[in-house]
C-alpha atoms as a PDB file:
ATOM      1  CA  MET A   1    -130.401  50.356  86.642  1.00  0.00           C
ATOM      2  CA  SER A   2    -130.220  53.688  88.364  1.00  0.00           C
ATOM      3  CA  LEU A   3    -127.942  56.688  88.141  1.00  0.00           C
ATOM      4  CA  THR A   4    -125.791  57.582  91.121  1.00  0.00           C
ATOM      5  CA  ILE A   5    -124.091  60.879  91.873  1.00  0.00           C
ATOM      6  CA  TYR A   6    -120.372  60.582  92.629  1.00  0.00           C
ATOM      7  CA  LEU A   7    -118.811  63.593  94.403  1.00  0.00           C
ATOM      8  CA  HIS A   8    -115.095  64.513  94.294  1.00  0.00           C
ATOM      9  CA  PHE A   9    -113.182  66.446  96.961  1.00  0.00           C
ATOM     10  CA  ASN A  10    -109.750  67.920  97.748  1.00  0.00           C
ATOM     11  CA  GLY A  11    -109.098  66.005 100.979  1.00  0.00           C
ATOM     12  CA  ASN A  12    -112.294  66.656 102.938  1.00  0.00           C
ATOM     13  CA  CYS A  13    -114.519  63.847 101.611  1.00  0.00           C
ATOM     14  CA  ARG A  14    -114.750  62.169 105.034  1.00  0.00           C
ATOM     15  CA  GLU A  15    -115.848  65.455 106.665  1.00  0.00           C
ATOM     16  CA  VAL A  16    -118.506  66.038 103.998  1.00  0.00           C
ATOM     17  CA  PHE A  17    -119.961  62.528 104.260  1.00  0.00           C
ATOM     18  CA  GLU A  18    -119.939  62.619 108.067  1.00  0.00           C
ATOM     19  CA  PHE A  19    -121.906  65.864 107.786  1.00  0.00           C
ATOM     20  CA  TYR A  20    -124.471  64.223 105.470  1.00  0.00           C
ATOM     21  CA  ARG A  21    -124.678  61.227 107.814  1.00  0.00           C
ATOM     22  CA  SER A  22    -125.394  63.590 110.751  1.00  0.00           C
ATOM     23  CA  ILE A  23    -128.377  64.874 108.773  1.00  0.00           C
ATOM     24  CA  PHE A  24    -129.780  61.724 107.125  1.00  0.00           C
ATOM     25  CA  GLY A  25    -128.628  59.096 109.658  1.00  0.00           C
ATOM     26  CA  GLY A  26    -127.746  55.532 108.792  1.00  0.00           C
ATOM     27  CA  ASP A  27    -124.361  54.005 108.045  1.00  0.00           C
ATOM     28  CA  PHE A  28    -121.902  53.923 105.193  1.00  0.00           C
ATOM     29  CA  ASP A  29    -121.948  50.783 103.067  1.00  0.00           C
ATOM     30  CA  LEU A  30    -118.222  51.283 102.522  1.00  0.00           C
ATOM     31  CA  MET A  31    -115.512  53.808 103.326  1.00  0.00           C
ATOM     32  CA  GLU A  32    -111.996  52.944 102.129  1.00  0.00           C
ATOM     33  CA  THR A  33    -108.844  55.041 102.189  1.00  0.00           C
ATOM     34  CA  PHE A  34    -106.011  55.041  99.674  1.00  0.00           C
ATOM     35  CA  ARG A  35    -103.874  53.383 102.351  1.00  0.00           C
ATOM     36  CA  ASN A  36    -106.100  50.293 102.013  1.00  0.00           C
ATOM     37  CA  GLY A  37    -105.753  50.185  98.204  1.00  0.00           C
ATOM     38  CA  PRO A  38    -102.921  49.162  95.909  1.00  0.00           C
ATOM     39  CA  ASP A  39     -99.677  51.155  95.984  1.00  0.00           C
ATOM     40  CA  MET A  40    -100.164  54.119  93.655  1.00  0.00           C
ATOM     41  CA  GLY A  41     -97.045  56.009  94.718  1.00  0.00           C
ATOM     42  CA  MET A  42     -99.023  58.606  96.623  1.00  0.00           C
ATOM     43  CA  PRO A  43     -97.520  60.979  99.196  1.00  0.00           C
ATOM     44  CA  GLU A  44     -97.886  59.783 102.802  1.00  0.00           C
ATOM     45  CA  GLU A  45    -100.064  62.789 103.715  1.00  0.00           C
ATOM     46  CA  GLU A  46    -102.736  61.715 101.183  1.00  0.00           C
ATOM     47  CA  LEU A  47    -102.923  57.979 102.039  1.00  0.00           C
ATOM     48  CA  ASP A  48    -105.636  58.447 104.674  1.00  0.00           C
ATOM     49  CA  GLN A  49    -107.885  60.384 102.313  1.00  0.00           C
ATOM     50  CA  VAL A  50    -111.038  58.648 101.082  1.00  0.00           C
ATOM     51  CA  MET A  51    -110.545  56.426  98.033  1.00  0.00           C
ATOM     52  CA  HIS A  52    -114.250  55.516  97.942  1.00  0.00           C
ATOM     53  CA  VAL A  53    -117.317  55.976 100.119  1.00  0.00           C
ATOM     54  CA  SER A  54    -120.774  54.583  99.437  1.00  0.00           C
ATOM     55  CA  TYR A  55    -123.623  55.998 101.527  1.00  0.00           C
ATOM     56  CA  PRO A  56    -127.262  54.928 101.104  1.00  0.00           C
ATOM     57  CA  ILE A  57    -129.825  57.684 101.538  1.00  0.00           C
ATOM     58  CA  GLY A  58    -133.377  56.452 101.155  1.00  0.00           C
ATOM     59  CA  SER A  59    -133.567  54.384  97.968  1.00  0.00           C
ATOM     60  CA  SER A  60    -130.498  56.103  96.462  1.00  0.00           C
ATOM     61  CA  VAL A  61    -126.770  55.895  97.059  1.00  0.00           C
ATOM     62  CA  LEU A  62    -124.419  58.861  97.266  1.00  0.00           C
ATOM     63  CA  MET A  63    -120.771  58.065  96.529  1.00  0.00           C
ATOM     64  CA  GLY A  64    -117.587  60.053  96.749  1.00  0.00           C
ATOM     65  CA  SER A  65    -113.818  60.225  96.996  1.00  0.00           C
ATOM     66  CA  ASP A  66    -110.924  62.572  97.442  1.00  0.00           C
ATOM     67  CA  VAL A  67    -108.889  63.278  94.308  1.00  0.00           C
ATOM     68  CA  PRO A  68    -105.156  62.830  94.975  1.00  0.00           C
ATOM     69  CA  SER A  69    -102.930  65.606  93.675  1.00  0.00           C
ATOM     70  CA  GLN A  70    -101.117  63.255  91.274  1.00  0.00           C
ATOM     71  CA  PHE A  71    -104.320  62.182  89.501  1.00  0.00           C
ATOM     72  CA  ALA A  72    -105.871  65.493  88.523  1.00  0.00           C
ATOM     73  CA  PRO A  73    -105.816  69.214  89.176  1.00  0.00           C
ATOM     74  CA  PRO A  74    -107.694  70.261  92.324  1.00  0.00           C
ATOM     75  CA  VAL A  75    -111.436  69.980  91.961  1.00  0.00           C
ATOM     76  CA  THR A  76    -113.580  73.096  92.061  1.00  0.00           C
ATOM     77  CA  GLN A  77    -117.294  73.597  92.509  1.00  0.00           C
ATOM     78  CA  GLY A  78    -118.872  72.737  89.196  1.00  0.00           C
ATOM     79  CA  ASN A  79    -116.419  69.985  88.217  1.00  0.00           C
ATOM     80  CA  ASN A  80    -116.551  68.008  91.473  1.00  0.00           C
ATOM     81  CA  PHE A  81    -119.116  65.381  90.479  1.00  0.00           C
ATOM     82  CA  SER A  82    -119.715  62.542  88.060  1.00  0.00           C
ATOM     83  CA  ILE A  83    -122.790  60.608  87.119  1.00  0.00           C
ATOM     84  CA  SER A  84    -122.195  56.921  87.774  1.00  0.00           C
ATOM     85  CA  TYR A  85    -124.024  54.187  85.873  1.00  0.00           C
ATOM     86  CA  GLN A  86    -123.765  50.416  86.200  1.00  0.00           C
ATOM     87  CA  PRO A  87    -124.361  48.681  82.866  1.00  0.00           C
ATOM     88  CA  THR A  88    -125.365  45.026  83.051  1.00  0.00           C
ATOM     89  CA  SER A  89    -122.526  43.723  80.838  1.00  0.00           C
ATOM     90  CA  ARG A  90    -119.096  44.581  79.477  1.00  0.00           C
ATOM     91  CA  GLU A  91    -120.601  44.845  75.989  1.00  0.00           C
ATOM     92  CA  ALA A  92    -123.236  47.328  77.165  1.00  0.00           C
ATOM     93  CA  ALA A  93    -120.550  49.300  79.027  1.00  0.00           C
ATOM     94  CA  ASP A  94    -118.355  49.486  75.911  1.00  0.00           C
ATOM     95  CA  GLU A  95    -121.273  50.599  73.742  1.00  0.00           C
ATOM     96  CA  LEU A  96    -122.445  53.288  76.189  1.00  0.00           C
ATOM     97  CA  PHE A  97    -118.881  54.465  76.835  1.00  0.00           C
ATOM     98  CA  ALA A  98    -118.200  54.887  73.105  1.00  0.00           C
ATOM     99  CA  LYS A  99    -121.350  56.968  72.701  1.00  0.00           C
ATOM    100  CA  LEU A 100    -120.817  59.086  75.839  1.00  0.00           C
ATOM    101  CA  SER A 101    -117.163  59.838  75.070  1.00  0.00           C
ATOM    102  CA  GLU A 102    -117.689  60.646  71.372  1.00  0.00           C
ATOM    103  CA  GLY A 103    -116.726  64.285  70.906  1.00  0.00           C
ATOM    104  CA  GLY A 104    -115.658  64.446  74.551  1.00  0.00           C
ATOM    105  CA  GLN A 105    -112.638  63.217  76.521  1.00  0.00           C
ATOM    106  CA  VAL A 106    -111.768  59.770  77.863  1.00  0.00           C
ATOM    107  CA  THR A 107    -110.314  60.159  81.363  1.00  0.00           C
ATOM    108  CA  THR A 108    -109.999  56.427  82.178  1.00  0.00           C
ATOM    109  CA  PRO A 109    -110.457  53.880  79.381  1.00  0.00           C
ATOM    110  CA  MET A 110    -112.777  50.939  80.028  1.00  0.00           C
ATOM    111  CA  GLU A 111    -110.646  48.228  81.649  1.00  0.00           C
ATOM    112  CA  ASP A 112    -110.563  45.740  84.505  1.00  0.00           C
ATOM    113  CA  GLN A 113    -109.836  47.396  87.850  1.00  0.00           C
ATOM    114  CA  PHE A 114    -108.321  46.210  91.134  1.00  0.00           C
ATOM    115  CA  TRP A 115    -111.711  46.332  92.912  1.00  0.00           C
ATOM    116  CA  GLY A 116    -113.009  43.602  90.612  1.00  0.00           C
ATOM    117  CA  ALA A 117    -115.050  45.643  88.140  1.00  0.00           C
ATOM    118  CA  TYR A 118    -114.842  46.740  84.522  1.00  0.00           C
ATOM    119  CA  PHE A 119    -114.662  50.543  84.766  1.00  0.00           C
ATOM    120  CA  GLY A 120    -114.110  53.659  82.693  1.00  0.00           C
ATOM    121  CA  SER A 121    -114.710  57.375  82.972  1.00  0.00           C
ATOM    122  CA  CYS A 122    -115.131  60.173  80.467  1.00  0.00           C
ATOM    123  CA  ILE A 123    -116.328  63.730  80.041  1.00  0.00           C
ATOM    124  CA  ASP A 124    -119.050  64.025  77.421  1.00  0.00           C
ATOM    125  CA  LYS A 125    -119.095  66.737  74.753  1.00  0.00           C
ATOM    126  CA  PHE A 126    -121.212  68.897  77.066  1.00  0.00           C
ATOM    127  CA  GLY A 127    -118.675  68.810  79.934  1.00  0.00           C
ATOM    128  CA  ILE A 128    -120.499  66.261  82.124  1.00  0.00           C
ATOM    129  CA  SER A 129    -118.339  63.610  83.819  1.00  0.00           C
ATOM    130  CA  TRP A 130    -119.508  59.983  83.622  1.00  0.00           C
ATOM    131  CA  GLN A 131    -118.345  56.775  85.298  1.00  0.00           C
ATOM    132  CA  LEU A 132    -119.368  53.338  84.059  1.00  0.00           C
ATOM    133  CA  ASN A 133    -118.773  50.443  86.454  1.00  0.00           C
ATOM    134  CA  THR A 134    -119.754  46.858  85.594  1.00  0.00           C
ATOM    135  CA  GLU A 135    -119.279  44.211  88.265  1.00  0.00           C
ATOM    136  CA  HIS A 136    -117.763  40.906  87.118  1.00  0.00           C
END
């Protein structure tokens, strides 16, 4: 398994990823807006922001999203990224999540998500944000 960097933005995720695409070329594997997701009670002006983008660059993948105002305070440089890891099983995800979040902060507990994965996020005791995503 590999680690992936996941970037977070305040409404300009699409602009940032289009910029990267103008440099590296290629196509997005996926770009979804909040409008295409489940109803989360978001304001109309945020529904067309990016819920998730996946962009292959070489042998790596850069991912990102906008962070809606109702989910978290605005992101700032320094707290606008997570390290994403894809464990091979729910058991492995639970074990890694427990270790990573010990002494830190759970931001999303490990649970089944609408996109069909078992997912959780936390901030470790050193202030680094992690996302664990296990496909079913």
